[in-house]
Amino acid sequence: MVDFPKVVVTGIGMVTPVGLDAPSTWEAMRAGRSGTGPITHFDASSFDVQVAGELKGFVPEDLMDRRTAHRSGRHTQMAVVAAREAVTSANLTIDESNRDAIGVMIASSGSHETIAAQDHIIDERGPGRVDPLTVPRIGQYSAAVRVGRLLEVRGPNSSNNSACASGGDAIGQALNMMRLGYADCIVAGGSEAMVSRVVIAAMSGLGALVKTWNHEPERASRPFDAKRGGFVLGEGAGILILETEEFARRRNASIICELASAAWSFDATDDAAPDVDGQALAMKRAMTAAGLSIDDIDYINAHGTGTQLNDKAETAAVKQVFGERAYGIPVSSTKSMTGHLAAAAGAVEAAVSVLTIRDGVIAPTINYEFPDPNCDLDYVPNKSRKADVEVAMSNAFGLGGQNSSLVFRRYR
């Protein structure tokens, strides 16, 4: 058996609908505050869906130089802010001695609002008036590229997209990249800015978004609740600093926890409907890769979107994997507060799992009011809970059947 190097987490950065940095996001989650509100990015008065998880008070020019802000799409702007916070929190100094060994892996689906704005310019003023900087702004790769250039690191640089599993995938791929010796440290996570007219309209037509709580936005995202009616689309970014244990110890870094494993699976069944067996397979593989049993998992940060099908399927998958033990594992969905951050969801929720281990506090599933007999696990309803969490699992399941599961454990 190959003796892979241990990989640890040393820094966290987040930009979410409940906070513009990691401490404020985590504090809001522990307090059970909703980040859902009326859509302000565009006039949604004629839309069936009028709520989203938007960032509050996010002014890119106040958080980075104007040139960087101007040349970046919104997803890249958020990634830059979260990455800088993560690097700072890790006390990571980047210089000629280590820049070749540091990489960047940030998932995204690109800059949707930029495409919409430039398409409008074509209609109003003609194709010759389209901003040529649209090309670097819209690419899903641009967040990873921009962060890599600003940090001046020369290790592996990549962006992936596997729908809602993307952020978890990026972290898992970073783990494997480091185990294979291609980097000693990777800035890994996801960033997403999908709250746009086209995306809201399309997802609404698909039946994925909640339409019944426009009058009470803060109650709209309600994973596992019997009256759930779809997810709330959100925006944000989550970044982890991952290092090999040797690299971290050599620079006397403060280690938060270990990233014990990452695993993947594919449903191979339907374009939209989730598959219980596929989701269960990812969780089983993650535990096997970490050398753990069902008795070792203390907490699951669920994918928990708030759709009827997804929450029922994930509950069934957890039961398939853990059997009767499933009823003794706290399973919460922080999407109840942030909304669904798409490519950033798995990364933000991975960060939450890390903080859960660090602080011994499990963030709740808010808006859990009406029990569903098909969703009968311990969802940590409405209030955070103190708990000694040694091992946390973070699930991210993508539209189309791409499944990712990460396992974090206390560093020893």
Protein backbone atom coordinates (compact mmCIF):
# COMPACT_ATOMS: atom_id res chain seq x y z
CA MET A 1 0.00 0.00 0.00
CA VAL A 2 1.31 3.44 -0.92
CA ASP A 3 2.19 5.59 2.08
CA PHE A 4 0.72 8.95 1.04
CA PRO A 5 1.68 12.13 2.88
CA LYS A 6 -0.86 13.46 5.33
CA VAL A 7 -2.65 16.61 4.11
CA VAL A 8 -3.86 19.23 6.58
CA VAL A 9 -5.97 22.38 6.60
CA THR A 10 -4.27 25.55 7.83
CA GLY A 11 -6.41 28.43 6.54
CA ILE A 12 -10.00 29.31 5.66
CA GLY A 13 -11.58 32.10 3.62
CA MET A 14 -15.28 32.61 2.92
CA VAL A 15 -17.54 35.14 1.25
CA THR A 16 -21.21 34.18 1.66
CA PRO A 17 -24.73 35.60 1.91
CA VAL A 18 -24.39 35.55 5.71
CA GLY A 19 -20.93 37.12 5.98
CA LEU A 20 -18.13 38.65 3.92
CA ASP A 21 -15.41 36.68 5.69
CA ALA A 22 -15.00 33.38 7.49
CA PRO A 23 -15.49 34.59 11.10
CA SER A 24 -18.71 36.49 10.33
CA THR A 25 -20.04 33.62 8.20
CA TRP A 26 -19.36 31.08 10.93
CA GLU A 27 -20.84 33.30 13.63
CA ALA A 28 -24.02 33.78 11.58
CA MET A 29 -24.34 30.06 10.96
CA ARG A 30 -23.94 29.20 14.63
CA ALA A 31 -26.63 31.78 15.37
CA GLY A 32 -28.91 30.28 12.71
CA ARG A 33 -29.29 33.45 10.63
CA SER A 34 -30.71 33.31 7.13
CA GLY A 35 -28.93 35.04 4.25
CA THR A 36 -31.91 34.84 1.91
CA GLY A 37 -33.57 38.08 0.81
CA PRO A 38 -35.33 39.72 -2.14
CA ILE A 39 -33.36 39.62 -5.39
CA THR A 40 -31.60 42.95 -6.00
CA HIS A 41 -29.27 42.04 -8.89
CA PHE A 42 -32.15 42.60 -11.32
CA ASP A 43 -35.85 43.42 -11.31
CA ALA A 44 -37.47 40.10 -10.40
CA SER A 45 -40.99 41.44 -9.90
CA SER A 46 -42.30 39.51 -12.92
CA PHE A 47 -40.54 36.26 -11.95
CA ASP A 48 -42.05 33.34 -10.07
CA VAL A 49 -38.84 33.27 -8.00
CA GLN A 50 -38.03 36.56 -6.28
CA VAL A 51 -35.57 35.53 -3.55
CA ALA A 52 -31.90 34.56 -3.52
CA GLY A 53 -28.88 34.38 -1.26
CA GLU A 54 -27.00 37.49 -2.40
CA LEU A 55 -23.93 39.00 -0.79
CA LYS A 56 -24.67 42.03 1.38
CA GLY A 57 -22.38 45.04 1.20
CA PHE A 58 -19.90 43.42 -1.17
CA VAL A 59 -18.06 46.27 -2.91
CA PRO A 60 -15.13 44.76 -4.84
CA GLU A 61 -13.31 48.09 -5.21
CA ASP A 62 -13.13 48.34 -1.42
CA LEU A 63 -11.59 44.88 -1.13
CA MET A 64 -9.03 44.88 -3.97
CA ASP A 65 -7.39 47.35 -6.33
CA ARG A 66 -9.66 48.84 -8.97
CA ARG A 67 -7.74 47.28 -11.87
CA THR A 68 -8.21 43.77 -10.49
CA ALA A 69 -11.88 44.44 -9.76
CA HIS A 70 -12.49 45.84 -13.26
CA ARG A 71 -10.79 42.95 -15.03
CA SER A 72 -12.57 40.27 -13.00
CA GLY A 73 -16.03 38.76 -13.19
CA ARG A 74 -18.02 38.62 -9.97
CA HIS A 75 -17.08 34.98 -9.30
CA THR A 76 -13.41 35.90 -9.61
CA GLN A 77 -13.78 38.92 -7.33
CA MET A 78 -15.25 36.72 -4.62
CA ALA A 79 -12.53 34.10 -5.09
CA VAL A 80 -9.82 36.75 -4.74
CA VAL A 81 -11.28 38.01 -1.45
CA ALA A 82 -11.73 34.52 -0.01
CA ALA A 83 -8.28 33.35 -1.14
CA ARG A 84 -6.55 36.36 0.40
CA GLU A 85 -8.36 35.76 3.67
CA ALA A 86 -7.41 32.09 3.63
CA VAL A 87 -3.73 32.85 2.97
CA THR A 88 -3.72 35.43 5.77
CA SER A 89 -5.45 33.12 8.24
CA ALA A 90 -2.88 30.42 7.46
CA ASN A 91 -0.02 32.89 8.05
CA LEU A 92 1.34 31.67 4.74
CA THR A 93 4.25 33.68 3.40
CA ILE A 94 4.83 33.13 -0.31
CA ASP A 95 8.30 33.83 -1.68
CA GLU A 96 10.92 32.41 -4.04
CA SER A 97 11.62 29.56 -1.64
CA ASN A 98 8.16 28.02 -1.99
CA ARG A 99 6.14 29.59 -4.82
CA ASP A 100 6.90 26.71 -7.22
CA ALA A 101 5.37 24.26 -4.73
CA ILE A 102 2.09 26.15 -4.19
CA GLY A 103 -0.88 25.65 -6.51
CA VAL A 104 -4.44 26.90 -6.99
CA MET A 105 -7.56 24.83 -7.71
CA ILE A 106 -10.82 26.79 -7.72
CA ALA A 107 -14.10 25.51 -9.13
CA SER A 108 -16.62 27.75 -10.88
CA SER A 109 -19.06 27.84 -13.76
CA GLY A 110 -17.97 31.33 -14.82
CA SER A 111 -19.41 34.81 -14.84
CA HIS A 112 -23.08 34.64 -15.80
CA GLU A 113 -23.86 38.30 -15.18
CA THR A 114 -21.05 39.38 -17.53
CA ILE A 115 -22.46 37.31 -20.38
CA ALA A 116 -25.93 38.75 -19.82
CA ALA A 117 -24.65 42.33 -19.72
CA GLN A 118 -22.59 42.01 -22.90
CA ASP A 119 -25.42 40.26 -24.73
CA HIS A 120 -27.59 43.27 -23.92
CA ILE A 121 -24.90 45.57 -25.34
CA ILE A 122 -24.99 43.68 -28.65
CA ASP A 123 -28.75 44.24 -28.86
CA GLU A 124 -28.52 47.92 -27.95
CA ARG A 125 -25.23 49.07 -29.52
CA GLY A 126 -23.96 46.32 -31.81
CA PRO A 127 -21.27 43.61 -31.56
CA GLY A 128 -18.43 46.09 -32.00
CA ARG A 129 -19.19 47.56 -28.57
CA VAL A 130 -18.66 44.34 -26.62
CA ASP A 131 -15.86 44.72 -24.07
CA PRO A 132 -12.91 42.51 -25.14
CA LEU A 133 -12.16 41.87 -21.46
CA THR A 134 -15.35 39.81 -21.46
CA VAL A 135 -13.29 36.77 -22.45
CA PRO A 136 -11.10 36.61 -19.31
CA ARG A 137 -14.02 37.70 -17.13
CA ILE A 138 -16.45 34.95 -18.09
CA GLY A 139 -14.22 31.87 -18.10
CA GLN A 140 -14.68 29.31 -15.36
CA TYR A 141 -10.88 29.16 -15.27
CA SER A 142 -10.49 32.87 -14.55
CA ALA A 143 -10.91 32.67 -10.76
CA ALA A 144 -8.05 30.18 -10.40
CA VAL A 145 -5.90 32.09 -12.87
CA ARG A 146 -6.48 35.48 -11.23
CA VAL A 147 -5.79 34.13 -7.73
CA GLY A 148 -2.65 32.37 -8.95
CA ARG A 149 -1.34 35.55 -10.56
CA LEU A 150 -2.07 37.72 -7.53
CA LEU A 151 -0.34 35.25 -5.21
CA GLU A 152 2.47 34.74 -7.76
CA VAL A 153 2.52 30.97 -7.31
CA ARG A 154 3.75 28.58 -9.98
CA GLY A 155 2.38 25.23 -8.88
CA PRO A 156 -0.57 23.44 -10.53
CA ASN A 157 -3.40 25.78 -11.52
CA SER A 158 -6.77 24.37 -12.48
CA SER A 159 -10.51 24.92 -12.48
CA ASN A 160 -13.15 22.22 -12.64
CA ASN A 161 -16.89 22.12 -13.03
CA SER A 162 -19.04 19.21 -11.95
CA ALA A 163 -22.17 21.22 -11.18
CA CYS A 164 -23.00 21.38 -7.48
CA ALA A 165 -20.19 18.95 -6.59
CA SER A 166 -17.53 21.27 -8.04
CA GLY A 167 -16.24 22.86 -4.84
CA GLY A 168 -15.85 19.53 -3.10
CA ASP A 169 -14.23 18.10 -6.22
CA ALA A 170 -11.64 20.89 -6.32
CA ILE A 171 -10.63 20.19 -2.72
CA GLY A 172 -10.51 16.45 -3.36
CA GLN A 173 -8.47 16.87 -6.53
CA ALA A 174 -6.07 19.12 -4.63
CA LEU A 175 -5.65 16.37 -2.05
CA ASN A 176 -4.72 13.85 -4.73
CA MET A 177 -2.43 16.32 -6.48
CA MET A 178 -0.50 16.82 -3.24
CA ARG A 179 -0.37 13.11 -2.46
CA LEU A 180 1.19 12.52 -5.87
CA GLY A 181 3.87 15.11 -5.14
CA TYR A 182 2.87 17.84 -7.59
CA ALA A 183 2.49 20.47 -4.86
CA ASP A 184 3.18 20.97 -1.15
CA CYS A 185 0.38 23.48 -0.69
CA ILE A 186 -2.78 24.24 -2.68
CA VAL A 187 -5.26 27.09 -2.40
CA ALA A 188 -8.44 25.11 -3.06
CA GLY A 189 -12.17 25.74 -3.17
CA GLY A 190 -14.95 27.18 -5.26
CA SER A 191 -16.59 30.45 -6.25
CA GLU A 192 -19.92 31.12 -7.92
CA ALA A 193 -22.06 34.06 -9.08
CA MET A 194 -25.14 32.60 -10.75
CA VAL A 195 -27.87 34.98 -9.55
CA SER A 196 -28.86 36.33 -12.96
CA ARG A 197 -32.10 36.64 -14.95
CA VAL A 198 -31.37 33.75 -17.29
CA VAL A 199 -30.24 31.33 -14.58
CA ILE A 200 -33.14 32.15 -12.24
CA ALA A 201 -35.64 31.80 -15.09
CA ALA A 202 -34.14 28.53 -16.33
CA MET A 203 -33.87 26.93 -12.89
CA SER A 204 -37.38 28.08 -12.08
CA GLY A 205 -38.63 26.41 -15.26
CA LEU A 206 -36.79 23.25 -14.26
CA GLY A 207 -38.73 23.27 -11.00
CA ALA A 208 -35.56 23.44 -8.89
CA LEU A 209 -36.13 26.79 -7.13
CA VAL A 210 -38.54 27.57 -4.33
CA LYS A 211 -41.44 29.81 -5.41
CA THR A 212 -43.74 29.79 -2.38
CA TRP A 213 -41.89 31.98 0.12
CA ASN A 214 -41.33 35.23 -1.80
CA HIS A 215 -43.20 37.07 0.96
CA GLU A 216 -40.93 35.61 3.67
CA PRO A 217 -37.48 35.15 2.09
CA GLU A 218 -35.76 34.14 5.31
CA ARG A 219 -38.04 31.08 5.53
CA ALA A 220 -37.60 29.99 1.91
CA SER A 221 -34.65 27.62 2.27
CA ARG A 222 -35.88 24.69 4.36
CA PRO A 223 -33.97 21.46 3.71
CA PHE A 224 -35.58 18.24 4.95
CA ASP A 225 -38.73 20.11 6.02
CA ALA A 226 -42.04 18.70 4.76
CA LYS A 227 -42.98 22.07 3.21
CA ARG A 228 -39.75 22.47 1.26
CA GLY A 229 -40.38 23.43 -2.33
CA GLY A 230 -36.98 23.81 -3.95
CA PHE A 231 -33.67 25.47 -3.22
CA VAL A 232 -32.70 29.12 -2.91
CA LEU A 233 -29.94 30.05 -5.35
CA GLY A 234 -27.03 31.84 -3.70
CA GLU A 235 -23.60 33.25 -4.48
CA GLY A 236 -20.28 33.14 -2.68
CA ALA A 237 -16.85 31.59 -2.35
CA GLY A 238 -15.06 29.21 -0.03
CA ILE A 239 -11.31 28.57 0.06
CA LEU A 240 -9.14 26.22 2.12
CA ILE A 241 -5.36 26.29 2.43
CA LEU A 242 -4.23 22.67 2.14
CA GLU A 243 -0.66 21.67 2.96
CA THR A 244 1.27 18.48 3.35
CA GLU A 245 1.97 17.84 7.00
CA GLU A 246 5.70 18.19 6.38
CA PHE A 247 5.33 21.56 4.63
CA ALA A 248 3.04 22.87 7.39
CA ARG A 249 5.27 21.70 10.23
CA ARG A 250 8.39 23.01 8.54
CA ARG A 251 6.96 26.52 8.63
CA ASN A 252 5.40 26.05 12.10
CA ALA A 253 1.87 26.51 10.78
CA SER A 254 -1.14 26.20 13.03
CA ILE A 255 -2.96 23.07 11.82
CA ILE A 256 -6.77 23.10 12.09
CA CYS A 257 -7.51 19.51 11.04
CA GLU A 258 -6.63 16.80 8.55
CA LEU A 259 -8.27 16.25 5.18
CA ALA A 260 -8.45 12.48 5.51
CA SER A 261 -10.01 11.50 2.19
CA ALA A 262 -12.02 12.43 -0.87
CA ALA A 263 -14.15 10.18 -3.03
CA TRP A 264 -16.41 10.38 -6.04
CA SER A 265 -19.16 8.50 -7.84
CA PHE A 266 -21.59 9.01 -10.71
CA ASP A 267 -25.29 8.14 -10.72
CA ALA A 268 -25.48 7.32 -14.45
CA THR A 269 -29.27 7.45 -14.24
CA ASP A 270 -30.94 10.81 -14.94
CA ASP A 271 -30.21 14.41 -15.94
CA ALA A 272 -31.77 15.81 -12.79
CA ALA A 273 -33.19 13.21 -10.40
CA PRO A 274 -30.68 12.01 -7.77
CA ASP A 275 -29.82 8.35 -7.29
CA VAL A 276 -29.58 6.89 -3.78
CA ASP A 277 -27.05 4.22 -4.74
CA GLY A 278 -24.72 6.73 -6.41
CA GLN A 279 -24.72 9.04 -3.41
CA ALA A 280 -24.19 6.15 -1.01
CA LEU A 281 -21.24 4.91 -3.06
CA ALA A 282 -19.39 8.23 -2.70
CA MET A 283 -19.81 8.16 1.08
CA LYS A 284 -18.69 4.53 1.34
CA ARG A 285 -15.64 5.20 -0.80
CA ALA A 286 -14.69 8.25 1.29
CA MET A 287 -14.80 6.24 4.52
CA THR A 288 -12.83 3.38 2.99
CA ALA A 289 -10.18 5.76 1.66
CA ALA A 290 -9.80 7.28 5.13
CA GLY A 291 -9.63 3.88 6.81
CA LEU A 292 -12.77 4.59 8.81
CA SER A 293 -15.94 2.71 9.69
CA ILE A 294 -19.52 3.92 10.07
CA ASP A 295 -18.93 4.24 13.83
CA ASP A 296 -16.22 6.86 13.27
CA ILE A 297 -18.36 9.54 11.62
CA ASP A 298 -19.53 12.15 14.15
CA TYR A 299 -21.21 14.67 11.83
CA ILE A 300 -22.39 14.95 8.24
CA ASN A 301 -22.68 18.30 6.50
CA ALA A 302 -25.40 17.31 4.06
CA HIS A 303 -25.81 18.42 0.48
CA GLY A 304 -29.36 19.19 1.68
CA THR A 305 -30.68 21.46 -1.06
CA GLY A 306 -34.33 21.76 -0.04
CA THR A 307 -35.88 20.01 -3.03
CA GLN A 308 -38.32 17.18 -2.43
CA LEU A 309 -36.30 14.63 -4.40
CA ASN A 310 -32.80 15.56 -3.25
CA ASP A 311 -33.46 15.59 0.48
CA LYS A 312 -35.39 12.33 0.35
CA ALA A 313 -32.63 10.67 -1.68
CA GLU A 314 -29.80 11.90 0.54
CA THR A 315 -31.63 10.74 3.66
CA ALA A 316 -32.07 7.30 2.10
CA ALA A 317 -28.41 7.22 1.03
CA VAL A 318 -27.21 8.04 4.56
CA LYS A 319 -29.41 5.25 5.90
CA GLN A 320 -28.11 2.83 3.28
CA VAL A 321 -24.52 3.57 4.31
CA PHE A 322 -24.89 3.82 8.08
CA GLY A 323 -27.87 1.58 8.84
CA GLU A 324 -29.31 2.14 12.32
CA ARG A 325 -26.26 4.24 13.16
CA ALA A 326 -27.67 6.93 10.81
CA TYR A 327 -30.18 7.93 13.48
CA GLY A 328 -27.38 8.81 15.89
CA ILE A 329 -25.38 11.04 13.54
CA PRO A 330 -26.14 14.78 13.41
CA VAL A 331 -26.84 15.72 9.77
CA SER A 332 -27.30 19.43 9.06
CA SER A 333 -27.66 21.53 5.94
CA THR A 334 -26.11 24.99 6.07
CA LYS A 335 -27.77 25.71 2.73
CA SER A 336 -30.75 26.56 4.93
CA MET A 337 -28.83 29.76 5.70
CA THR A 338 -26.64 30.46 2.66
CA GLY A 339 -28.85 29.06 -0.06
CA HIS A 340 -27.31 26.83 -2.73
CA LEU A 341 -23.97 28.27 -3.84
CA ALA A 342 -23.62 25.81 -6.74
CA ALA A 343 -19.91 25.40 -7.59
CA ALA A 344 -18.97 27.10 -4.31
CA ALA A 345 -21.34 25.05 -2.16
CA GLY A 346 -19.06 22.09 -1.53
CA ALA A 347 -16.15 24.38 -0.68
CA VAL A 348 -18.07 26.55 1.79
CA GLU A 349 -19.56 23.46 3.40
CA ALA A 350 -16.13 21.84 3.62
CA ALA A 351 -14.95 24.95 5.47
CA VAL A 352 -17.94 24.63 7.80
CA SER A 353 -17.00 21.01 8.49
CA VAL A 354 -13.46 22.09 9.38
CA LEU A 355 -14.77 24.75 11.77
CA THR A 356 -17.15 22.22 13.31
CA ILE A 357 -14.18 20.05 14.28
CA ARG A 358 -12.19 23.06 15.49
CA ASP A 359 -14.88 24.61 17.67
CA GLY A 360 -17.03 21.66 18.68
CA VAL A 361 -20.20 23.36 17.44
CA ILE A 362 -22.58 22.00 14.80
CA ALA A 363 -24.43 24.61 12.75
CA PRO A 364 -28.18 23.95 12.47
CA THR A 365 -30.66 23.30 9.71
CA ILE A 366 -32.91 26.33 10.10
CA ASN A 367 -36.55 26.55 9.01
CA TYR A 368 -37.11 22.97 10.08
CA GLU A 369 -40.73 23.20 11.21
CA PHE A 370 -42.75 20.38 9.67
CA PRO A 371 -41.31 16.84 9.92
CA ASP A 372 -41.31 14.71 6.79
CA PRO A 373 -41.66 10.94 7.37
CA ASN A 374 -39.26 10.39 4.45
CA CYS A 375 -36.65 12.59 6.14
CA ASP A 376 -36.40 11.26 9.67
CA LEU A 377 -32.78 11.77 10.74
CA ASP A 378 -31.33 14.21 13.28
CA TYR A 379 -31.04 17.39 11.20
CA VAL A 380 -29.93 19.61 14.12
CA PRO A 381 -33.14 21.63 13.82
CA ASN A 382 -33.03 25.42 14.15
CA LYS A 383 -30.36 25.77 16.86
CA SER A 384 -26.64 25.04 16.83
CA ARG A 385 -25.38 22.30 19.07
CA LYS A 386 -22.19 21.72 21.03
CA ALA A 387 -20.59 18.40 20.17
CA ASP A 388 -17.20 16.73 20.26
CA VAL A 389 -16.63 16.10 16.57
CA GLU A 390 -13.54 14.06 15.72
CA VAL A 391 -14.57 13.20 12.16
CA ALA A 392 -16.85 15.14 9.80
CA MET A 393 -18.13 14.16 6.37
CA SER A 394 -19.09 16.80 3.80
CA ASN A 395 -21.32 15.79 0.88
CA ALA A 396 -21.73 17.61 -2.43
CA PHE A 397 -23.97 16.07 -5.07
CA GLY A 398 -24.14 17.66 -8.51
CA LEU A 399 -27.04 18.08 -10.91
CA GLY A 400 -26.58 15.32 -13.44
CA GLY A 401 -25.36 12.76 -10.93
CA GLN A 402 -21.80 13.76 -10.02
CA ASN A 403 -21.18 12.98 -6.35
CA SER A 404 -18.37 14.07 -4.05
CA SER A 405 -17.74 13.23 -0.41
CA LEU A 406 -14.93 14.60 1.77
CA VAL A 407 -13.83 13.39 5.19
CA PHE A 408 -12.06 15.66 7.68
CA ARG A 409 -10.71 14.53 11.04
CA ARG A 410 -9.03 16.07 14.06
CA TYR A 411 -5.30 16.37 13.57
CA ARG A 412 -3.13 14.20 15.80
